[in-house]
């Protein structure tokens, strides 16, 4: 496999992942960003911890989807992340009623 073939493969996988994200995003209530991953989830709990002078965060998510092109299965029931870095959590707006086109 040439470098160009590999680049094309990765571009195709990224495009496929974006399309999947676009299709499933409306099913979730929260967007969660950590330094390593991007998640969609319906349940999120952020727990700050201190260890000596250090602060770290435990992020618990349920009913989640993971943006990761190397995972075969992106839907997960439960996720636990421990991080010393920033965590961004956004609640998504959900329309009350949508009609299929």
C-alpha atoms as a PDB file:
ATOM      1  CA  UNK A   1       0.000   0.000   0.000  1.00  0.00           C
ATOM      2  CA  UNK A   2       1.444   3.343  -1.007  1.00  0.00           C
ATOM      3  CA  UNK A   3       1.413   6.495   1.103  1.00  0.00           C
ATOM      4  CA  UNK A   4      -1.204   7.954  -1.232  1.00  0.00           C
ATOM      5  CA  UNK A   5      -3.412   4.865  -0.816  1.00  0.00           C
ATOM      6  CA  UNK A   6      -3.119   5.176   2.949  1.00  0.00           C
ATOM      7  CA  UNK A   7      -4.004   8.883   2.836  1.00  0.00           C
ATOM      8  CA  UNK A   8      -7.038   8.126   0.658  1.00  0.00           C
ATOM      9  CA  UNK A   9      -8.144   5.333   3.002  1.00  0.00           C
ATOM     10  CA  UNK A  10      -7.882   7.586   6.075  1.00  0.00           C
ATOM     11  CA  UNK A  11      -9.776  10.374   4.296  1.00  0.00           C
ATOM     12  CA  UNK A  12     -12.560   7.926   3.380  1.00  0.00           C
ATOM     13  CA  UNK A  13     -12.758   6.660   6.972  1.00  0.00           C
ATOM     14  CA  UNK A  14     -12.907  10.231   8.339  1.00  0.00           C
ATOM     15  CA  UNK A  15     -15.683  11.136   5.900  1.00  0.00           C
ATOM     16  CA  UNK A  16     -17.615   8.010   6.858  1.00  0.00           C
ATOM     17  CA  UNK A  17     -17.165   8.855  10.539  1.00  0.00           C
ATOM     18  CA  UNK A  18     -18.439  12.410   9.981  1.00  0.00           C
ATOM     19  CA  UNK A  19     -21.514  11.067   8.182  1.00  0.00           C
ATOM     20  CA  UNK A  20     -22.194   8.668  11.043  1.00  0.00           C
ATOM     21  CA  UNK A  21     -21.829  11.546  13.531  1.00  0.00           C
ATOM     22  CA  UNK A  22     -24.252  13.679  11.534  1.00  0.00           C
ATOM     23  CA  UNK A  23     -26.772  10.813  11.467  1.00  0.00           C
ATOM     24  CA  UNK A  24     -26.634  10.024  15.199  1.00  0.00           C
ATOM     25  CA  UNK A  25     -26.062  13.445  16.819  1.00  0.00           C
ATOM     26  CA  UNK A  26     -29.781  14.169  17.231  1.00  0.00           C
ATOM     27  CA  UNK A  27     -30.140  11.092  19.471  1.00  0.00           C
ATOM     28  CA  UNK A  28     -27.892  12.550  22.183  1.00  0.00           C
ATOM     29  CA  UNK A  29     -28.166  15.276  24.822  1.00  0.00           C
ATOM     30  CA  UNK A  30     -24.506  16.178  25.428  1.00  0.00           C
ATOM     31  CA  UNK A  31     -21.242  16.739  23.581  1.00  0.00           C
ATOM     32  CA  UNK A  32     -18.153  15.940  25.667  1.00  0.00           C
ATOM     33  CA  UNK A  33     -14.615  16.823  24.577  1.00  0.00           C
ATOM     34  CA  UNK A  34     -11.496  15.599  26.342  1.00  0.00           C
ATOM     35  CA  UNK A  35      -7.877  15.909  25.247  1.00  0.00           C
ATOM     36  CA  UNK A  36      -8.060  12.505  23.564  1.00  0.00           C
ATOM     37  CA  UNK A  37     -11.636  11.931  22.414  1.00  0.00           C
ATOM     38  CA  UNK A  38     -14.933  13.476  21.371  1.00  0.00           C
ATOM     39  CA  UNK A  39     -18.151  11.912  22.697  1.00  0.00           C
ATOM     40  CA  UNK A  40     -21.882  12.236  22.316  1.00  0.00           C
ATOM     41  CA  UNK A  41     -23.787  11.054  25.399  1.00  0.00           C
ATOM     42  CA  UNK A  42     -27.197  11.074  27.037  1.00  0.00           C
ATOM     43  CA  UNK A  43     -25.842  11.085  30.584  1.00  0.00           C
ATOM     44  CA  UNK A  44     -22.752  12.945  31.858  1.00  0.00           C
ATOM     45  CA  UNK A  45     -21.320  13.457  35.326  1.00  0.00           C
ATOM     46  CA  UNK A  46     -18.112  15.425  36.001  1.00  0.00           C
ATOM     47  CA  UNK A  47     -16.376  14.697  39.314  1.00  0.00           C
ATOM     48  CA  UNK A  48     -13.339  16.820  40.273  1.00  0.00           C
ATOM     49  CA  UNK A  49     -10.730  15.133  42.514  1.00  0.00           C
ATOM     50  CA  UNK A  50      -7.685  16.472  44.340  1.00  0.00           C
ATOM     51  CA  UNK A  51      -4.558  14.448  45.001  1.00  0.00           C
ATOM     52  CA  UNK A  52      -2.055  16.473  46.978  1.00  0.00           C
ATOM     53  CA  UNK A  53      -1.790  19.706  45.001  1.00  0.00           C
ATOM     54  CA  UNK A  54      -3.044  18.192  41.743  1.00  0.00           C
ATOM     55  CA  UNK A  55      -6.590  18.342  40.419  1.00  0.00           C
ATOM     56  CA  UNK A  56      -7.939  15.734  38.041  1.00  0.00           C
ATOM     57  CA  UNK A  57     -11.366  14.973  36.655  1.00  0.00           C
ATOM     58  CA  UNK A  58     -13.410  11.827  36.432  1.00  0.00           C
ATOM     59  CA  UNK A  59     -15.980  11.967  33.637  1.00  0.00           C
ATOM     60  CA  UNK A  60     -18.764   9.383  33.681  1.00  0.00           C
ATOM     61  CA  UNK A  61     -20.895   9.016  30.564  1.00  0.00           C
ATOM     62  CA  UNK A  62     -23.758   6.695  29.747  1.00  0.00           C
ATOM     63  CA  UNK A  63     -25.411   5.798  26.466  1.00  0.00           C
ATOM     64  CA  UNK A  64     -22.533   7.251  24.462  1.00  0.00           C
ATOM     65  CA  UNK A  65     -21.054   7.409  20.967  1.00  0.00           C
ATOM     66  CA  UNK A  66     -17.274   7.813  20.544  1.00  0.00           C
ATOM     67  CA  UNK A  67     -15.592   9.723  17.680  1.00  0.00           C
ATOM     68  CA  UNK A  68     -12.722   7.328  16.981  1.00  0.00           C
ATOM     69  CA  UNK A  69     -11.927   6.105  13.489  1.00  0.00           C
ATOM     70  CA  UNK A  70     -10.054   3.069  14.833  1.00  0.00           C
ATOM     71  CA  UNK A  71     -12.960   1.610  16.839  1.00  0.00           C
ATOM     72  CA  UNK A  72     -15.120  -1.013  15.195  1.00  0.00           C
ATOM     73  CA  UNK A  73     -18.022  -0.247  17.567  1.00  0.00           C
ATOM     74  CA  UNK A  74     -18.621   3.373  18.505  1.00  0.00           C
ATOM     75  CA  UNK A  75     -21.792   2.980  20.590  1.00  0.00           C
ATOM     76  CA  UNK A  76     -20.982   2.217  24.225  1.00  0.00           C
ATOM     77  CA  UNK A  77     -23.190   1.791  27.266  1.00  0.00           C
ATOM     78  CA  UNK A  78     -20.807   3.310  29.822  1.00  0.00           C
ATOM     79  CA  UNK A  79     -17.593   5.354  29.604  1.00  0.00           C
ATOM     80  CA  UNK A  80     -15.271   6.465  32.400  1.00  0.00           C
ATOM     81  CA  UNK A  81     -12.485   8.944  31.625  1.00  0.00           C
ATOM     82  CA  UNK A  82      -9.817  10.152  34.051  1.00  0.00           C
ATOM     83  CA  UNK A  83      -7.943  13.278  32.941  1.00  0.00           C
ATOM     84  CA  UNK A  84      -5.733  16.062  34.246  1.00  0.00           C
ATOM     85  CA  UNK A  85      -6.619  18.173  31.194  1.00  0.00           C
ATOM     86  CA  UNK A  86      -9.611  20.324  30.289  1.00  0.00           C
ATOM     87  CA  UNK A  87     -13.027  18.757  29.789  1.00  0.00           C
ATOM     88  CA  UNK A  88     -15.729  20.562  27.798  1.00  0.00           C
ATOM     89  CA  UNK A  89     -19.355  19.538  28.250  1.00  0.00           C
ATOM     90  CA  UNK A  90     -22.127  21.107  26.186  1.00  0.00           C
ATOM     91  CA  UNK A  91     -25.832  20.379  26.384  1.00  0.00           C
ATOM     92  CA  UNK A  92     -27.352  20.103  22.932  1.00  0.00           C
ATOM     93  CA  UNK A  93     -30.602  21.807  21.982  1.00  0.00           C
ATOM     94  CA  UNK A  94     -33.280  19.332  21.027  1.00  0.00           C
ATOM     95  CA  UNK A  95     -36.337  20.372  19.077  1.00  0.00           C
ATOM     96  CA  UNK A  96     -39.607  19.329  20.716  1.00  0.00           C
ATOM     97  CA  UNK A  97     -40.962  17.684  17.602  1.00  0.00           C
ATOM     98  CA  UNK A  98     -39.458  16.850  14.245  1.00  0.00           C
ATOM     99  CA  UNK A  99     -41.112  15.580  11.114  1.00  0.00           C
ATOM    100  CA  UNK A 100     -39.436  13.312   8.578  1.00  0.00           C
ATOM    101  CA  UNK A 101     -38.859  14.888   5.193  1.00  0.00           C
END
